[in-house]
Amino acid sequence: MTLAIKAVVVLALLGILASLASGAVYLIRDESSSRRVVRALTVRITLSVLLFLGLVALVLTGVIEPNNPYRH
C-alpha cells in the first residue's frame, strides 16, 4: 500500500474521530433544539461509508491486498 493511500486512510479515521468528539461535546453542551449533533453524526456516517467503499474498491481493483495469515 502506498504512502498516499495510507495517508488518506489515516486522515479519514482522524476526521471520523474528530466528528465523534465534536458530536459528544455538542450533545453535552448544546440546547435540545440544536442541530449540530445531527450534523456531526451525518459527517461521521458519510466519512465512514466513503472510507469503507474506498477500501472495498481498492481491494477489488487489486491496489491493496487483504492480509490473510492462514494463506500459504
PDB file of N, CA and C in Angstrom:
ATOM      1  N   MET A   1       0.850  -1.169   0.000  1.00  0.00           N
ATOM      2  CA  MET A   1       0.000   0.000   0.000  1.00  0.00           C
ATOM      3  C   MET A   1       0.897   1.235   0.000  1.00  0.00           C
ATOM      4  N   THR A   2       0.621   2.122  -0.883  1.00  0.00           N
ATOM      5  CA  THR A   2       1.478   3.285  -0.998  1.00  0.00           C
ATOM      6  C   THR A   2       1.241   4.250   0.157  1.00  0.00           C
ATOM      7  N   LEU A   3       2.173   5.150   0.294  1.00  0.00           N
ATOM      8  CA  LEU A   3       2.100   6.131   1.374  1.00  0.00           C
ATOM      9  C   LEU A   3       0.887   7.046   1.220  1.00  0.00           C
ATOM     10  N   ALA A   4       0.522   7.364  -0.005  1.00  0.00           N
ATOM     11  CA  ALA A   4      -0.629   8.244  -0.240  1.00  0.00           C
ATOM     12  C   ALA A   4      -1.924   7.592   0.233  1.00  0.00           C
ATOM     13  N   ILE A   5      -2.096   6.313  -0.042  1.00  0.00           N
ATOM     14  CA  ILE A   5      -3.298   5.599   0.394  1.00  0.00           C
ATOM     15  C   ILE A   5      -3.341   5.536   1.913  1.00  0.00           C
ATOM     16  N   LYS A   6      -2.217   5.238   2.538  1.00  0.00           N
ATOM     17  CA  LYS A   6      -2.164   5.195   3.999  1.00  0.00           C
ATOM     18  C   LYS A   6      -2.498   6.555   4.604  1.00  0.00           C
ATOM     19  N   ALA A   7      -1.998   7.614   3.985  1.00  0.00           N
ATOM     20  CA  ALA A   7      -2.273   8.960   4.498  1.00  0.00           C
ATOM     21  C   ALA A   7      -3.757   9.293   4.395  1.00  0.00           C
ATOM     22  N   VAL A   8      -4.390   8.912   3.294  1.00  0.00           N
ATOM     23  CA  VAL A   8      -5.823   9.176   3.123  1.00  0.00           C
ATOM     24  C   VAL A   8      -6.637   8.398   4.158  1.00  0.00           C
ATOM     25  N   VAL A   9      -6.270   7.148   4.389  1.00  0.00           N
ATOM     26  CA  VAL A   9      -6.982   6.331   5.384  1.00  0.00           C
ATOM     27  C   VAL A   9      -6.815   6.920   6.778  1.00  0.00           C
ATOM     28  N   VAL A  10      -5.608   7.313   7.132  1.00  0.00           N
ATOM     29  CA  VAL A  10      -5.367   7.904   8.453  1.00  0.00           C
ATOM     30  C   VAL A  10      -6.120   9.221   8.604  1.00  0.00           C
ATOM     31  N   LEU A  11      -6.124  10.055   7.569  1.00  0.00           N
ATOM     32  CA  LEU A  11      -6.868  11.317   7.632  1.00  0.00           C
ATOM     33  C   LEU A  11      -8.367  11.081   7.758  1.00  0.00           C
ATOM     34  N   ALA A  12      -8.879  10.086   7.063  1.00  0.00           N
ATOM     35  CA  ALA A  12     -10.307   9.767   7.181  1.00  0.00           C
ATOM     36  C   ALA A  12     -10.635   9.293   8.597  1.00  0.00           C
ATOM     37  N   LEU A  13      -9.791   8.454   9.163  1.00  0.00           N
ATOM     38  CA  LEU A  13     -10.020   7.985  10.535  1.00  0.00           C
ATOM     39  C   LEU A  13      -9.936   9.129  11.536  1.00  0.00           C
ATOM     40  N   LEU A  14      -9.003  10.043  11.331  1.00  0.00           N
ATOM     41  CA  LEU A  14      -8.911  11.209  12.210  1.00  0.00           C
ATOM     42  C   LEU A  14     -10.145  12.104  12.069  1.00  0.00           C
ATOM     43  N   GLY A  15     -10.649  12.239  10.858  1.00  0.00           N
ATOM     44  CA  GLY A  15     -11.873  13.002  10.644  1.00  0.00           C
ATOM     45  C   GLY A  15     -13.070  12.367  11.325  1.00  0.00           C
ATOM     46  N   ILE A  16     -13.145  11.038  11.283  1.00  0.00           N
ATOM     47  CA  ILE A  16     -14.224  10.312  11.959  1.00  0.00           C
ATOM     48  C   ILE A  16     -14.134  10.518  13.466  1.00  0.00           C
ATOM     49  N   LEU A  17     -12.936  10.428  14.011  1.00  0.00           N
ATOM     50  CA  LEU A  17     -12.758  10.644  15.454  1.00  0.00           C
ATOM     51  C   LEU A  17     -13.065  12.085  15.849  1.00  0.00           C
ATOM     52  N   ALA A  18     -12.674  13.045  15.018  1.00  0.00           N
ATOM     53  CA  ALA A  18     -12.971  14.449  15.315  1.00  0.00           C
ATOM     54  C   ALA A  18     -14.476  14.694  15.296  1.00  0.00           C
ATOM     55  N   SER A  19     -15.171  14.092  14.355  1.00  0.00           N
ATOM     56  CA  SER A  19     -16.618  14.234  14.299  1.00  0.00           C
ATOM     57  C   SER A  19     -17.284  13.581  15.503  1.00  0.00           C
ATOM     58  N   LEU A  20     -16.751  12.458  15.929  1.00  0.00           N
ATOM     59  CA  LEU A  20     -17.272  11.788  17.124  1.00  0.00           C
ATOM     60  C   LEU A  20     -17.084  12.664  18.358  1.00  0.00           C
ATOM     61  N   ALA A  21     -15.912  13.245  18.500  1.00  0.00           N
ATOM     62  CA  ALA A  21     -15.633  14.104  19.658  1.00  0.00           C
ATOM     63  C   ALA A  21     -16.487  15.363  19.628  1.00  0.00           C
ATOM     64  N   SER A  22     -16.624  15.981  18.461  1.00  0.00           N
ATOM     65  CA  SER A  22     -17.435  17.199  18.396  1.00  0.00           C
ATOM     66  C   SER A  22     -18.902  16.883  18.664  1.00  0.00           C
ATOM     67  N   GLY A  23     -19.382  15.750  18.188  1.00  0.00           N
ATOM     68  CA  GLY A  23     -20.758  15.351  18.470  1.00  0.00           C
ATOM     69  C   GLY A  23     -20.993  15.137  19.954  1.00  0.00           C
ATOM     70  N   ALA A  24     -20.014  14.558  20.631  1.00  0.00           N
ATOM     71  CA  ALA A  24     -20.140  14.353  22.079  1.00  0.00           C
ATOM     72  C   ALA A  24     -20.173  15.688  22.818  1.00  0.00           C
ATOM     73  N   VAL A  25     -19.330  16.612  22.397  1.00  0.00           N
ATOM     74  CA  VAL A  25     -19.316  17.938  23.028  1.00  0.00           C
ATOM     75  C   VAL A  25     -20.633  18.658  22.772  1.00  0.00           C
ATOM     76  N   TYR A  26     -21.132  18.611  21.549  1.00  0.00           N
ATOM     77  CA  TYR A  26     -22.395  19.262  21.222  1.00  0.00           C
ATOM     78  C   TYR A  26     -23.553  18.639  22.006  1.00  0.00           C
ATOM     79  N   LEU A  27     -23.514  17.338  22.179  1.00  0.00           N
ATOM     80  CA  LEU A  27     -24.569  16.646  22.904  1.00  0.00           C
ATOM     81  C   LEU A  27     -24.623  17.097  24.359  1.00  0.00           C
ATOM     82  N   ILE A  28     -23.462  17.315  24.937  1.00  0.00           N
ATOM     83  CA  ILE A  28     -23.397  17.703  26.346  1.00  0.00           C
ATOM     84  C   ILE A  28     -23.716  19.183  26.535  1.00  0.00           C
ATOM     85  N   ARG A  29     -23.224  20.058  25.677  1.00  0.00           N
ATOM     86  CA  ARG A  29     -23.290  21.498  25.912  1.00  0.00           C
ATOM     87  C   ARG A  29     -24.448  22.221  25.243  1.00  0.00           C
ATOM     88  N   ASP A  30     -24.949  21.724  24.128  1.00  0.00           N
ATOM     89  CA  ASP A  30     -25.958  22.470  23.372  1.00  0.00           C
ATOM     90  C   ASP A  30     -27.356  22.258  23.932  1.00  0.00           C
ATOM     91  N   GLU A  31     -28.245  23.138  23.485  1.00  0.00           N
ATOM     92  CA  GLU A  31     -29.652  23.008  23.822  1.00  0.00           C
ATOM     93  C   GLU A  31     -30.262  21.860  23.026  1.00  0.00           C
ATOM     94  N   SER A  32     -31.441  21.452  23.415  1.00  0.00           N
ATOM     95  CA  SER A  32     -32.077  20.331  22.730  1.00  0.00           C
ATOM     96  C   SER A  32     -32.523  20.686  21.312  1.00  0.00           C
ATOM     97  N   SER A  33     -32.659  21.974  21.006  1.00  0.00           N
ATOM     98  CA  SER A  33     -33.096  22.369  19.672  1.00  0.00           C
ATOM     99  C   SER A  33     -31.936  22.507  18.685  1.00  0.00           C
ATOM    100  N   SER A  34     -30.710  22.297  19.130  1.00  0.00           N
ATOM    101  CA  SER A  34     -29.548  22.451  18.263  1.00  0.00           C
ATOM    102  C   SER A  34     -29.447  21.289  17.281  1.00  0.00           C
ATOM    103  N   ARG A  35     -29.042  21.592  16.059  1.00  0.00           N
ATOM    104  CA  ARG A  35     -28.906  20.562  15.029  1.00  0.00           C
ATOM    105  C   ARG A  35     -27.454  20.144  14.829  1.00  0.00           C
ATOM    106  N   ARG A  36     -26.556  20.658  15.651  1.00  0.00           N
ATOM    107  CA  ARG A  36     -25.134  20.362  15.450  1.00  0.00           C
ATOM    108  C   ARG A  36     -24.808  18.898  15.733  1.00  0.00           C
ATOM    109  N   VAL A  37     -25.527  18.258  16.647  1.00  0.00           N
ATOM    110  CA  VAL A  37     -25.287  16.838  16.922  1.00  0.00           C
ATOM    111  C   VAL A  37     -25.657  16.011  15.699  1.00  0.00           C
ATOM    112  N   VAL A  38     -26.778  16.339  15.087  1.00  0.00           N
ATOM    113  CA  VAL A  38     -27.216  15.618  13.886  1.00  0.00           C
ATOM    114  C   VAL A  38     -26.225  15.820  12.752  1.00  0.00           C
ATOM    115  N   ARG A  39     -25.725  17.042  12.606  1.00  0.00           N
ATOM    116  CA  ARG A  39     -24.743  17.326  11.559  1.00  0.00           C
ATOM    117  C   ARG A  39     -23.452  16.546  11.797  1.00  0.00           C
ATOM    118  N   ALA A  40     -22.999  16.471  13.060  1.00  0.00           N
ATOM    119  CA  ALA A  40     -21.782  15.719  13.370  1.00  0.00           C
ATOM    120  C   ALA A  40     -21.980  14.229  13.080  1.00  0.00           C
ATOM    121  N   LEU A  41     -23.155  13.706  13.396  1.00  0.00           N
ATOM    122  CA  LEU A  41     -23.451  12.304  13.102  1.00  0.00           C
ATOM    123  C   LEU A  41     -23.480  12.059  11.600  1.00  0.00           C
ATOM    124  N   THR A  42     -24.059  12.981  10.853  1.00  0.00           N
ATOM    125  CA  THR A  42     -24.108  12.850   9.395  1.00  0.00           C
ATOM    126  C   THR A  42     -22.712  12.858   8.789  1.00  0.00           C
ATOM    127  N   VAL A  43     -21.861  13.734   9.272  1.00  0.00           N
ATOM    128  CA  VAL A  43     -20.472  13.784   8.785  1.00  0.00           C
ATOM    129  C   VAL A  43     -19.758  12.487   9.106  1.00  0.00           C
ATOM    130  N   ARG A  44     -19.938  11.987  10.324  1.00  0.00           N
ATOM    131  CA  ARG A  44     -19.253  10.752  10.732  1.00  0.00           C
ATOM    132  C   ARG A  44     -19.707   9.560   9.908  1.00  0.00           C
ATOM    133  N   ILE A  45     -21.001   9.446   9.677  1.00  0.00           N
ATOM    134  CA  ILE A  45     -21.517   8.328   8.879  1.00  0.00           C
ATOM    135  C   ILE A  45     -21.039   8.434   7.432  1.00  0.00           C
ATOM    136  N   THR A  46     -21.066   9.639   6.882  1.00  0.00           N
ATOM    137  CA  THR A  46     -20.621   9.841   5.500  1.00  0.00           C
ATOM    138  C   THR A  46     -19.152   9.477   5.341  1.00  0.00           C
ATOM    139  N   LEU A  47     -18.307   9.942   6.259  1.00  0.00           N
ATOM    140  CA  LEU A  47     -16.879   9.601   6.186  1.00  0.00           C
ATOM    141  C   LEU A  47     -16.653   8.105   6.332  1.00  0.00           C
ATOM    142  N   SER A  48     -17.387   7.465   7.224  1.00  0.00           N
ATOM    143  CA  SER A  48     -17.229   6.023   7.423  1.00  0.00           C
ATOM    144  C   SER A  48     -17.626   5.237   6.191  1.00  0.00           C
ATOM    145  N   VAL A  49     -18.743   5.606   5.582  1.00  0.00           N
ATOM    146  CA  VAL A  49     -19.209   4.898   4.377  1.00  0.00           C
ATOM    147  C   VAL A  49     -18.229   5.118   3.222  1.00  0.00           C
ATOM    148  N   LEU A  50     -17.768   6.357   3.052  1.00  0.00           N
ATOM    149  CA  LEU A  50     -16.810   6.632   1.976  1.00  0.00           C
ATOM    150  C   LEU A  50     -15.498   5.878   2.183  1.00  0.00           C
ATOM    151  N   LEU A  51     -15.032   5.810   3.421  1.00  0.00           N
ATOM    152  CA  LEU A  51     -13.808   5.060   3.702  1.00  0.00           C
ATOM    153  C   LEU A  51     -14.003   3.578   3.397  1.00  0.00           C
ATOM    154  N   PHE A  52     -15.118   3.020   3.830  1.00  0.00           N
ATOM    155  CA  PHE A  52     -15.396   1.608   3.581  1.00  0.00           C
ATOM    156  C   PHE A  52     -15.478   1.315   2.086  1.00  0.00           C
ATOM    157  N   LEU A  53     -16.257   2.128   1.358  1.00  0.00           N
ATOM    158  CA  LEU A  53     -16.399   1.904  -0.087  1.00  0.00           C
ATOM    159  C   LEU A  53     -15.069   2.091  -0.814  1.00  0.00           C
ATOM    160  N   GLY A  54     -14.273   3.050  -0.364  1.00  0.00           N
ATOM    161  CA  GLY A  54     -12.960   3.249  -0.969  1.00  0.00           C
ATOM    162  C   GLY A  54     -12.042   2.057  -0.754  1.00  0.00           C
ATOM    163  N   LEU A  55     -12.054   1.515   0.457  1.00  0.00           N
ATOM    164  CA  LEU A  55     -11.218   0.333   0.728  1.00  0.00           C
ATOM    165  C   LEU A  55     -11.696  -0.878  -0.051  1.00  0.00           C
ATOM    166  N   VAL A  56     -13.008  -1.053  -0.164  1.00  0.00           N
ATOM    167  CA  VAL A  56     -13.533  -2.165  -0.963  1.00  0.00           C
ATOM    168  C   VAL A  56     -13.122  -2.013  -2.418  1.00  0.00           C
ATOM    169  N   ALA A  57     -13.219  -0.801  -2.951  1.00  0.00           N
ATOM    170  CA  ALA A  57     -12.823  -0.564  -4.340  1.00  0.00           C
ATOM    171  C   ALA A  57     -11.336  -0.847  -4.545  1.00  0.00           C
ATOM    172  N   LEU A  58     -10.511  -0.449  -3.582  1.00  0.00           N
ATOM    173  CA  LEU A  58      -9.068  -0.705  -3.694  1.00  0.00           C
ATOM    174  C   LEU A  58      -8.754  -2.199  -3.638  1.00  0.00           C
ATOM    175  N   VAL A  59      -9.481  -2.942  -2.827  1.00  0.00           N
ATOM    176  CA  VAL A  59      -9.273  -4.397  -2.762  1.00  0.00           C
ATOM    177  C   VAL A  59      -9.736  -5.051  -4.056  1.00  0.00           C
ATOM    178  N   LEU A  60     -10.897  -4.650  -4.552  1.00  0.00           N
ATOM    179  CA  LEU A  60     -11.430  -5.265  -5.776  1.00  0.00           C
ATOM    180  C   LEU A  60     -10.581  -4.964  -7.004  1.00  0.00           C
ATOM    181  N   THR A  61      -9.955  -3.798  -7.044  1.00  0.00           N
ATOM    182  CA  THR A  61      -9.100  -3.468  -8.183  1.00  0.00           C
ATOM    183  C   THR A  61      -7.687  -4.017  -8.041  1.00  0.00           C
ATOM    184  N   GLY A  62      -7.368  -4.559  -6.878  1.00  0.00           N
ATOM    185  CA  GLY A  62      -6.058  -5.159  -6.674  1.00  0.00           C
ATOM    186  C   GLY A  62      -4.979  -4.185  -6.245  1.00  0.00           C
ATOM    187  N   VAL A  63      -5.354  -2.958  -5.934  1.00  0.00           N
ATOM    188  CA  VAL A  63      -4.368  -1.972  -5.497  1.00  0.00           C
ATOM    189  C   VAL A  63      -3.819  -2.347  -4.128  1.00  0.00           C
ATOM    190  N   ILE A  64      -4.709  -2.814  -3.253  1.00  0.00           N
ATOM    191  CA  ILE A  64      -4.273  -3.320  -1.951  1.00  0.00           C
ATOM    192  C   ILE A  64      -4.749  -4.754  -1.819  1.00  0.00           C
ATOM    193  N   GLU A  65      -4.037  -5.527  -1.026  1.00  0.00           N
ATOM    194  CA  GLU A  65      -4.404  -6.920  -0.789  1.00  0.00           C
ATOM    195  C   GLU A  65      -4.673  -7.123   0.684  1.00  0.00           C
ATOM    196  N   PRO A  66      -5.745  -7.858   1.001  1.00  0.00           N
ATOM    197  CA  PRO A  66      -6.013  -8.138   2.414  1.00  0.00           C
ATOM    198  C   PRO A  66      -4.942  -9.047   2.987  1.00  0.00           C
ATOM    199  N   ASN A  67      -4.668  -8.880   4.249  1.00  0.00           N
ATOM    200  CA  ASN A  67      -3.658  -9.689   4.933  1.00  0.00           C
ATOM    201  C   ASN A  67      -4.330 -10.941   5.480  1.00  0.00           C
ATOM    202  N   ASN A  68      -3.954 -12.087   4.966  1.00  0.00           N
ATOM    203  CA  ASN A  68      -4.548 -13.363   5.403  1.00  0.00           C
ATOM    204  C   ASN A  68      -3.443 -14.217   6.008  1.00  0.00           C
ATOM    205  N   PRO A  69      -3.377 -14.350   7.335  1.00  0.00           N
ATOM    206  CA  PRO A  69      -2.288 -15.107   7.951  1.00  0.00           C
ATOM    207  C   PRO A  69      -2.394 -16.606   7.720  1.00  0.00           C
ATOM    208  N   TYR A  70      -3.551 -17.101   7.286  1.00  0.00           N
ATOM    209  CA  TYR A  70      -3.733 -18.547   7.092  1.00  0.00           C
ATOM    210  C   TYR A  70      -3.473 -18.987   5.657  1.00  0.00           C
ATOM    211  N   ARG A  71      -3.111 -18.049   4.815  1.00  0.00           N
ATOM    212  CA  ARG A  71      -2.847 -18.367   3.408  1.00  0.00           C
ATOM    213  C   ARG A  71      -1.394 -18.835   3.270  1.00  0.00           C
ATOM    214  N   HIS A  72      -1.210 -19.923   2.592  1.00  0.00           N
ATOM    215  CA  HIS A  72       0.159 -20.454   2.419  1.00  0.00           C
ATOM    216  C   HIS A  72       0.678 -20.197   1.044  1.00  0.00           C
TER     217      HIS A  72
END
